Structure formats: structure tokens, C-alpha cells
């Protein structure tokens, strides 16, 4: 693994989405930390992930387990895949550790039981809530909301595009590098205010997936090859 690669942490990373991203980034040569509210849960997720990789003949990867705060402190770039119900409390916990860093917010403001209906928060989006809460010391970038965890877990090429929103172009560019490392195309999609549209699309995709029994994503057309 190249020393030039940033250390990545995934807070609330024990679910299918978090471990799917962890797997793809680890395979790409990044040191990845899976964070959880409890150390035991993080360790169990890492053990399961390592077994999956070993079964597929992938052994030379670095994946570690930590509590969410320790993971955020140890990482250069932090991703967060927690349910919306735990979004603000997790941000409050790790806020001091995120100063000067990029936070990739993957959270979608789904409101059970009607998760196939768009129900955005008053602030506009989870990404905007994160930026408001963390302030200018942290660069919040919203991404990966429209990617099916099922496909991330497959461990092969992923025919899906990722819209990347954030107020700083250089931060978006770094996240696009991680999108590409995970096997997808990433695109600048404007400021964090635009995250509202991307997060809303997740509920639309949930409806489509239920209607057609699939794992749909999004794909941009009309772009120069």
C-alpha cells in the first residue's frame, strides 16, 4: 500500500453499505478503519469482511476495527454510513476529530415506514445538516446515496455513477478519486445544497427497486467518452 494514500474511516460501517465500501477501498490499497458505536460490533464486521476476502483469494488488505470516535481521530478522510436517526448524535460525538478533514456523508434522511416516499428534513438534506453542525472547519461532501449496497458487496465492476456534492471543489475531487477507486464513475454535482436532490433520489430508487425487483442505480448519459 502506498504511503501517499489517505487513511479512511467508515463510521457506522458495520452494515452492508459500510462493509461494501470498506472492501472496495481496501482492495484498492487503502488502510480502512470500520467504526461502530461498540468495539465488539466493529471487530465482528472486520472478521466477517476478512473471511469474505480470504474466500475469494484476497489476503493483502488492511482493515481495522475501532469505536466511532477513535476511527475518526485515526483517519485522514472519514465516511459516515449511519441511519438518519443516529446522524446528528454521531456527528456531535466525532465533531472535534473531524476538524480540518473531509467528511463523506452517505446518510439518507429516510423516515420509516414510508422510505419509498421523499421526506427531506427542514434543513434540506442530511449533508446540509452535517455541514451546518460541523461548521467551516470540516469539508462535508455528500456521495454514494444512490449506490445499492448489494452491488458494492459483489466485489466486481459496478455500472453505476455517483453524484458528489460539496462546497469545496478540491474536496469533491478527492472524493471522486475514492469513487473511482471503488469501481464507479464520480461527477461533480455542485454545492452541498444540491445534496437534497441526490438524497431524494434514493427514495425514488427504493420505489423502483420494489416495483421491479431489482437493485437500480443511476447512470449519466450524453457525456463525452
C-alpha atoms as a PDB file:
ATOM      1  CA  UNK A   1       0.000   0.000   0.000  1.00  0.00           C
ATOM      2  CA  UNK A   2       1.304   3.413  -0.931  1.00  0.00           C
ATOM      3  CA  UNK A   3       2.029   5.744   1.978  1.00  0.00           C
ATOM      4  CA  UNK A   4       0.525   8.559  -0.096  1.00  0.00           C
ATOM      5  CA  UNK A   5      -2.975   7.129   0.206  1.00  0.00           C
ATOM      6  CA  UNK A   6      -5.120   8.662   2.956  1.00  0.00           C
ATOM      7  CA  UNK A   7      -6.338   6.534   5.841  1.00  0.00           C
ATOM      8  CA  UNK A   8     -10.092   6.044   5.544  1.00  0.00           C
ATOM      9  CA  UNK A   9     -12.614   5.512   8.340  1.00  0.00           C
ATOM     10  CA  UNK A  10     -16.240   4.461   7.886  1.00  0.00           C
ATOM     11  CA  UNK A  11     -18.376   5.418  10.877  1.00  0.00           C
ATOM     12  CA  UNK A  12     -21.335   3.145  11.426  1.00  0.00           C
ATOM     13  CA  UNK A  13     -19.574   0.961   8.889  1.00  0.00           C
ATOM     14  CA  UNK A  14     -20.786  -2.450  10.039  1.00  0.00           C
ATOM     15  CA  UNK A  15     -23.753  -2.727   7.647  1.00  0.00           C
ATOM     16  CA  UNK A  16     -23.826  -3.818   4.013  1.00  0.00           C
ATOM     17  CA  UNK A  17     -23.113  -0.337   2.656  1.00  0.00           C
ATOM     18  CA  UNK A  18     -20.229   0.364   5.023  1.00  0.00           C
ATOM     19  CA  UNK A  19     -18.559  -3.020   4.613  1.00  0.00           C
ATOM     20  CA  UNK A  20     -19.102  -2.844   0.846  1.00  0.00           C
ATOM     21  CA  UNK A  21     -17.192   0.432   0.672  1.00  0.00           C
ATOM     22  CA  UNK A  22     -14.561  -0.904   3.085  1.00  0.00           C
ATOM     23  CA  UNK A  23     -13.977  -3.938   0.916  1.00  0.00           C
ATOM     24  CA  UNK A  24     -13.585  -1.970  -2.292  1.00  0.00           C
ATOM     25  CA  UNK A  25     -11.276   0.640  -0.766  1.00  0.00           C
ATOM     26  CA  UNK A  26      -9.166  -1.983   0.985  1.00  0.00           C
ATOM     27  CA  UNK A  27      -8.780  -3.895  -2.272  1.00  0.00           C
ATOM     28  CA  UNK A  28      -7.642  -0.637  -3.891  1.00  0.00           C
ATOM     29  CA  UNK A  29      -4.801  -0.405  -1.369  1.00  0.00           C
ATOM     30  CA  UNK A  30      -6.190   1.923   1.283  1.00  0.00           C
ATOM     31  CA  UNK A  31      -5.927   1.388   5.009  1.00  0.00           C
ATOM     32  CA  UNK A  32      -9.557   1.239   6.125  1.00  0.00           C
ATOM     33  CA  UNK A  33     -10.999   1.515   9.634  1.00  0.00           C
ATOM     34  CA  UNK A  34     -14.524   0.280  10.317  1.00  0.00           C
ATOM     35  CA  UNK A  35     -16.063   2.281  13.137  1.00  0.00           C
ATOM     36  CA  UNK A  36     -19.051   1.426  15.287  1.00  0.00           C
ATOM     37  CA  UNK A  37     -20.704   2.540  18.489  1.00  0.00           C
ATOM     38  CA  UNK A  38     -19.250  -0.616  20.079  1.00  0.00           C
ATOM     39  CA  UNK A  39     -15.815  -2.142  19.570  1.00  0.00           C
ATOM     40  CA  UNK A  40     -17.228  -5.677  19.514  1.00  0.00           C
ATOM     41  CA  UNK A  41     -19.562  -4.910  16.636  1.00  0.00           C
ATOM     42  CA  UNK A  42     -16.746  -3.313  14.641  1.00  0.00           C
ATOM     43  CA  UNK A  43     -14.482  -6.319  15.260  1.00  0.00           C
ATOM     44  CA  UNK A  44     -17.207  -8.735  14.148  1.00  0.00           C
ATOM     45  CA  UNK A  45     -17.700  -6.780  10.909  1.00  0.00           C
ATOM     46  CA  UNK A  46     -13.961  -6.782  10.216  1.00  0.00           C
ATOM     47  CA  UNK A  47     -13.724 -10.529  10.868  1.00  0.00           C
ATOM     48  CA  UNK A  48     -16.613 -11.226   8.501  1.00  0.00           C
ATOM     49  CA  UNK A  49     -15.111  -8.989   5.827  1.00  0.00           C
ATOM     50  CA  UNK A  50     -11.685 -10.602   6.118  1.00  0.00           C
ATOM     51  CA  UNK A  51     -13.264 -14.040   5.770  1.00  0.00           C
ATOM     52  CA  UNK A  52     -15.127 -12.975   2.625  1.00  0.00           C
ATOM     53  CA  UNK A  53     -11.908 -11.631   1.150  1.00  0.00           C
ATOM     54  CA  UNK A  54      -9.925 -14.732   2.104  1.00  0.00           C
ATOM     55  CA  UNK A  55     -12.557 -16.959   0.484  1.00  0.00           C
ATOM     56  CA  UNK A  56     -12.012 -15.019  -2.743  1.00  0.00           C
ATOM     57  CA  UNK A  57      -8.244 -15.196  -2.505  1.00  0.00           C
ATOM     58  CA  UNK A  58      -7.734 -11.601  -1.367  1.00  0.00           C
ATOM     59  CA  UNK A  59      -5.483 -11.543   1.662  1.00  0.00           C
ATOM     60  CA  UNK A  60      -3.195  -8.498   1.453  1.00  0.00           C
ATOM     61  CA  UNK A  61      -5.543  -5.808   2.748  1.00  0.00           C
ATOM     62  CA  UNK A  62      -5.593  -3.597   5.825  1.00  0.00           C
ATOM     63  CA  UNK A  63      -8.951  -3.339   7.600  1.00  0.00           C
ATOM     64  CA  UNK A  64      -9.190  -2.469  11.296  1.00  0.00           C
ATOM     65  CA  UNK A  65     -11.921  -2.105  13.918  1.00  0.00           C
ATOM     66  CA  UNK A  66     -12.396   0.861  16.268  1.00  0.00           C
ATOM     67  CA  UNK A  67     -15.094   2.796  18.043  1.00  0.00           C
ATOM     68  CA  UNK A  68     -16.503   5.676  16.010  1.00  0.00           C
ATOM     69  CA  UNK A  69     -14.572   8.420  17.805  1.00  0.00           C
ATOM     70  CA  UNK A  70     -11.238   6.586  17.671  1.00  0.00           C
ATOM     71  CA  UNK A  71     -11.814   5.794  13.994  1.00  0.00           C
ATOM     72  CA  UNK A  72     -12.499   9.435  13.191  1.00  0.00           C
ATOM     73  CA  UNK A  73      -9.378  10.514  15.075  1.00  0.00           C
ATOM     74  CA  UNK A  74      -7.160   7.993  13.266  1.00  0.00           C
ATOM     75  CA  UNK A  75      -8.369   8.726   9.726  1.00  0.00           C
ATOM     76  CA  UNK A  76      -7.472  11.364   7.161  1.00  0.00           C
ATOM     77  CA  UNK A  77     -10.857  11.129   5.407  1.00  0.00           C
ATOM     78  CA  UNK A  78     -13.996   9.963   7.209  1.00  0.00           C
ATOM     79  CA  UNK A  79     -17.139   8.466   5.683  1.00  0.00           C
ATOM     80  CA  UNK A  80     -20.366   8.078   7.616  1.00  0.00           C
ATOM     81  CA  UNK A  81     -22.993   5.425   6.827  1.00  0.00           C
ATOM     82  CA  UNK A  82     -25.183   5.630   9.925  1.00  0.00           C
ATOM     83  CA  UNK A  83     -29.017   5.605   9.838  1.00  0.00           C
ATOM     84  CA  UNK A  84     -30.522   9.082   9.800  1.00  0.00           C
ATOM     85  CA  UNK A  85     -31.852   8.560  13.344  1.00  0.00           C
ATOM     86  CA  UNK A  86     -28.224   8.457  14.591  1.00  0.00           C
ATOM     87  CA  UNK A  87     -26.861  11.097  12.213  1.00  0.00           C
ATOM     88  CA  UNK A  88     -26.722  14.167  14.460  1.00  0.00           C
ATOM     89  CA  UNK A  89     -25.675  12.308  17.614  1.00  0.00           C
ATOM     90  CA  UNK A  90     -22.783  10.655  15.778  1.00  0.00           C
ATOM     91  CA  UNK A  91     -21.672  13.991  14.354  1.00  0.00           C
ATOM     92  CA  UNK A  92     -21.741  15.568  17.819  1.00  0.00           C
ATOM     93  CA  UNK A  93     -19.582  12.731  19.153  1.00  0.00           C
ATOM     94  CA  UNK A  94     -16.890  12.959  16.488  1.00  0.00           C
ATOM     95  CA  UNK A  95     -17.002  16.687  15.719  1.00  0.00           C
ATOM     96  CA  UNK A  96     -13.643  17.505  17.373  1.00  0.00           C
ATOM     97  CA  UNK A  97     -11.945  14.692  15.431  1.00  0.00           C
ATOM     98  CA  UNK A  98     -13.245  15.970  12.075  1.00  0.00           C
ATOM     99  CA  UNK A  99     -11.649  19.403  12.271  1.00  0.00           C
ATOM    100  CA  UNK A 100      -9.608  20.030   9.135  1.00  0.00           C
ATOM    101  CA  UNK A 101     -10.798  16.822   7.470  1.00  0.00           C
ATOM    102  CA  UNK A 102     -13.225  15.735   4.766  1.00  0.00           C
ATOM    103  CA  UNK A 103     -16.409  14.017   5.885  1.00  0.00           C
ATOM    104  CA  UNK A 104     -18.144  11.925   3.222  1.00  0.00           C
ATOM    105  CA  UNK A 105     -21.767  11.885   4.327  1.00  0.00           C
ATOM    106  CA  UNK A 106     -23.596   8.887   2.846  1.00  0.00           C
ATOM    107  CA  UNK A 107     -26.638   9.326   5.089  1.00  0.00           C
ATOM    108  CA  UNK A 108     -30.116   9.470   3.556  1.00  0.00           C
ATOM    109  CA  UNK A 109     -32.954  11.057   5.591  1.00  0.00           C
ATOM    110  CA  UNK A 110     -35.325   8.111   5.250  1.00  0.00           C
ATOM    111  CA  UNK A 111     -38.368   8.179   7.536  1.00  0.00           C
ATOM    112  CA  UNK A 112     -39.707   4.670   8.224  1.00  0.00           C
ATOM    113  CA  UNK A 113     -42.000   3.069   7.411  1.00  0.00           C
ATOM    114  CA  UNK A 114     -42.540   5.087   4.203  1.00  0.00           C
ATOM    115  CA  UNK A 115     -38.930   5.007   2.974  1.00  0.00           C
ATOM    116  CA  UNK A 116     -40.041   4.989  -0.684  1.00  0.00           C
ATOM    117  CA  UNK A 117     -41.516   8.483  -0.218  1.00  0.00           C
ATOM    118  CA  UNK A 118     -39.296  11.570  -0.345  1.00  0.00           C
ATOM    119  CA  UNK A 119     -39.312  13.204   3.111  1.00  0.00           C
ATOM    120  CA  UNK A 120     -36.443  15.666   3.318  1.00  0.00           C
ATOM    121  CA  UNK A 121     -35.594  17.412   6.615  1.00  0.00           C
ATOM    122  CA  UNK A 122     -36.197  21.115   7.211  1.00  0.00           C
ATOM    123  CA  UNK A 123     -32.534  21.911   6.562  1.00  0.00           C
ATOM    124  CA  UNK A 124     -32.857  20.385   3.099  1.00  0.00           C
ATOM    125  CA  UNK A 125     -30.641  17.309   3.370  1.00  0.00           C
ATOM    126  CA  UNK A 126     -28.536  15.210   5.720  1.00  0.00           C
ATOM    127  CA  UNK A 127     -25.445  16.633   4.045  1.00  0.00           C
ATOM    128  CA  UNK A 128     -26.554  20.188   4.790  1.00  0.00           C
ATOM    129  CA  UNK A 129     -27.319  19.251   8.399  1.00  0.00           C
ATOM    130  CA  UNK A 130     -23.789  17.868   8.706  1.00  0.00           C
ATOM    131  CA  UNK A 131     -22.176  20.979   7.223  1.00  0.00           C
ATOM    132  CA  UNK A 132     -24.244  23.267   9.456  1.00  0.00           C
ATOM    133  CA  UNK A 133     -23.389  21.261  12.568  1.00  0.00           C
ATOM    134  CA  UNK A 134     -19.672  20.823  11.844  1.00  0.00           C
ATOM    135  CA  UNK A 135     -19.012  24.325  10.535  1.00  0.00           C
ATOM    136  CA  UNK A 136     -16.355  25.534   8.116  1.00  0.00           C
ATOM    137  CA  UNK A 137     -13.563  23.590   9.836  1.00  0.00           C
ATOM    138  CA  UNK A 138     -14.849  20.396   8.188  1.00  0.00           C
ATOM    139  CA  UNK A 139     -15.462  19.934   4.471  1.00  0.00           C
ATOM    140  CA  UNK A 140     -18.644  17.888   4.106  1.00  0.00           C
ATOM    141  CA  UNK A 141     -19.074  16.028   0.825  1.00  0.00           C
ATOM    142  CA  UNK A 142     -22.279  14.129   0.090  1.00  0.00           C
ATOM    143  CA  UNK A 143     -21.901  10.961  -2.027  1.00  0.00           C
ATOM    144  CA  UNK A 144     -22.841   7.289  -2.579  1.00  0.00           C
ATOM    145  CA  UNK A 145     -26.531   7.632  -1.633  1.00  0.00           C
ATOM    146  CA  UNK A 146     -27.739   6.143  -4.921  1.00  0.00           C
ATOM    147  CA  UNK A 147     -25.477   3.075  -4.918  1.00  0.00           C
ATOM    148  CA  UNK A 148     -27.054  -0.259  -3.985  1.00  0.00           C
ATOM    149  CA  UNK A 149     -25.211  -1.945  -1.105  1.00  0.00           C
ATOM    150  CA  UNK A 150     -25.980  -5.253  -2.829  1.00  0.00           C
ATOM    151  CA  UNK A 151     -23.735  -4.292  -5.741  1.00  0.00           C
ATOM    152  CA  UNK A 152     -20.950  -2.982  -3.501  1.00  0.00           C
ATOM    153  CA  UNK A 153     -20.843  -6.390  -1.844  1.00  0.00           C
ATOM    154  CA  UNK A 154     -20.456  -8.230  -5.151  1.00  0.00           C
ATOM    155  CA  UNK A 155     -16.791  -7.366  -5.485  1.00  0.00           C
ATOM    156  CA  UNK A 156     -16.803  -6.765  -9.245  1.00  0.00           C
ATOM    157  CA  UNK A 157     -17.298  -3.934 -11.706  1.00  0.00           C
ATOM    158  CA  UNK A 158     -20.198  -1.652 -10.864  1.00  0.00           C
ATOM    159  CA  UNK A 159     -22.147   0.027 -13.681  1.00  0.00           C
ATOM    160  CA  UNK A 160     -23.275   2.968 -11.569  1.00  0.00           C
ATOM    161  CA  UNK A 161     -22.466   6.669 -11.358  1.00  0.00           C
ATOM    162  CA  UNK A 162     -22.058   8.722  -8.192  1.00  0.00           C
ATOM    163  CA  UNK A 163     -23.068  12.377  -7.849  1.00  0.00           C
ATOM    164  CA  UNK A 164     -20.728  14.221  -5.493  1.00  0.00           C
ATOM    165  CA  UNK A 165     -21.915  17.409  -3.753  1.00  0.00           C
ATOM    166  CA  UNK A 166     -19.892  19.740  -1.554  1.00  0.00           C
ATOM    167  CA  UNK A 167     -18.987  23.394  -1.194  1.00  0.00           C
ATOM    168  CA  UNK A 168     -15.266  22.913  -1.943  1.00  0.00           C
ATOM    169  CA  UNK A 169     -14.236  21.667  -5.391  1.00  0.00           C
ATOM    170  CA  UNK A 170     -10.930  20.218  -4.167  1.00  0.00           C
ATOM    171  CA  UNK A 171     -12.747  18.172  -1.507  1.00  0.00           C
ATOM    172  CA  UNK A 172     -15.198  16.889  -4.115  1.00  0.00           C
ATOM    173  CA  UNK A 173     -12.247  15.930  -6.330  1.00  0.00           C
ATOM    174  CA  UNK A 174     -10.694  13.846  -3.541  1.00  0.00           C
ATOM    175  CA  UNK A 175     -13.985  12.033  -3.009  1.00  0.00           C
ATOM    176  CA  UNK A 176     -14.303  11.402  -6.734  1.00  0.00           C
ATOM    177  CA  UNK A 177     -10.911   9.669  -6.537  1.00  0.00           C
ATOM    178  CA  UNK A 178     -12.400   7.359  -3.902  1.00  0.00           C
ATOM    179  CA  UNK A 179     -15.490   6.768  -6.033  1.00  0.00           C
ATOM    180  CA  UNK A 180     -13.232   5.669  -8.871  1.00  0.00           C
ATOM    181  CA  UNK A 181     -11.144   3.515  -6.518  1.00  0.00           C
ATOM    182  CA  UNK A 182     -14.390   1.736  -5.598  1.00  0.00           C
ATOM    183  CA  UNK A 183     -15.024   0.948  -9.264  1.00  0.00           C
ATOM    184  CA  UNK A 184     -17.533   3.637 -10.269  1.00  0.00           C
ATOM    185  CA  UNK A 185     -17.632   6.964 -12.086  1.00  0.00           C
ATOM    186  CA  UNK A 186     -17.919  10.073  -9.931  1.00  0.00           C
ATOM    187  CA  UNK A 187     -19.135  13.505 -11.029  1.00  0.00           C
ATOM    188  CA  UNK A 188     -19.029  16.997  -9.559  1.00  0.00           C
ATOM    189  CA  UNK A 189     -22.673  17.817  -8.798  1.00  0.00           C
ATOM    190  CA  UNK A 190     -22.381  21.232  -7.175  1.00  0.00           C
ATOM    191  CA  UNK A 191     -22.596  22.596  -3.657  1.00  0.00           C
ATOM    192  CA  UNK A 192     -23.837  20.797  -0.558  1.00  0.00           C
ATOM    193  CA  UNK A 193     -27.250  22.416  -1.173  1.00  0.00           C
ATOM    194  CA  UNK A 194     -27.624  20.098  -4.178  1.00  0.00           C
ATOM    195  CA  UNK A 195     -27.370  17.057  -1.893  1.00  0.00           C
ATOM    196  CA  UNK A 196     -31.102  17.447  -1.328  1.00  0.00           C
ATOM    197  CA  UNK A 197     -31.831  16.295  -4.878  1.00  0.00           C
ATOM    198  CA  UNK A 198     -29.428  13.351  -4.674  1.00  0.00           C
ATOM    199  CA  UNK A 199     -30.721  12.191  -1.289  1.00  0.00           C
ATOM    200  CA  UNK A 200     -34.314  12.500  -2.508  1.00  0.00           C
ATOM    201  CA  UNK A 201     -33.490  10.264  -5.474  1.00  0.00           C
ATOM    202  CA  UNK A 202     -32.751   7.424  -3.040  1.00  0.00           C
ATOM    203  CA  UNK A 203     -36.415   7.137  -2.087  1.00  0.00           C
ATOM    204  CA  UNK A 204     -37.318   7.109  -5.775  1.00  0.00           C
ATOM    205  CA  UNK A 205     -34.846   4.271  -6.364  1.00  0.00           C
ATOM    206  CA  UNK A 206     -36.241   2.346  -3.396  1.00  0.00           C
ATOM    207  CA  UNK A 207     -39.671   2.554  -5.018  1.00  0.00           C
ATOM    208  CA  UNK A 208     -38.247   1.441  -8.377  1.00  0.00           C
ATOM    209  CA  UNK A 209     -36.412  -1.456  -6.758  1.00  0.00           C
ATOM    210  CA  UNK A 210     -39.572  -2.677  -5.053  1.00  0.00           C
ATOM    211  CA  UNK A 211     -41.662  -2.237  -8.182  1.00  0.00           C
ATOM    212  CA  UNK A 212     -39.260  -4.082 -10.489  1.00  0.00           C
ATOM    213  CA  UNK A 213     -37.487  -6.400  -8.017  1.00  0.00           C
ATOM    214  CA  UNK A 214     -34.032  -5.029  -8.813  1.00  0.00           C
ATOM    215  CA  UNK A 215     -31.118  -3.038  -7.385  1.00  0.00           C
ATOM    216  CA  UNK A 216     -31.241   0.065  -9.574  1.00  0.00           C
ATOM    217  CA  UNK A 217     -28.724   2.893  -9.553  1.00  0.00           C
ATOM    218  CA  UNK A 218     -28.204   5.953 -11.717  1.00  0.00           C
ATOM    219  CA  UNK A 219     -26.197   6.427 -14.915  1.00  0.00           C
ATOM    220  CA  UNK A 220     -25.426   9.739 -16.646  1.00  0.00           C
ATOM    221  CA  UNK A 221     -25.778   9.920 -20.415  1.00  0.00           C
ATOM    222  CA  UNK A 222     -24.659  12.414 -23.053  1.00  0.00           C
ATOM    223  CA  UNK A 223     -21.107  12.678 -21.710  1.00  0.00           C
ATOM    224  CA  UNK A 224     -18.017  12.611 -23.911  1.00  0.00           C
ATOM    225  CA  UNK A 225     -16.210   9.284 -23.632  1.00  0.00           C
END
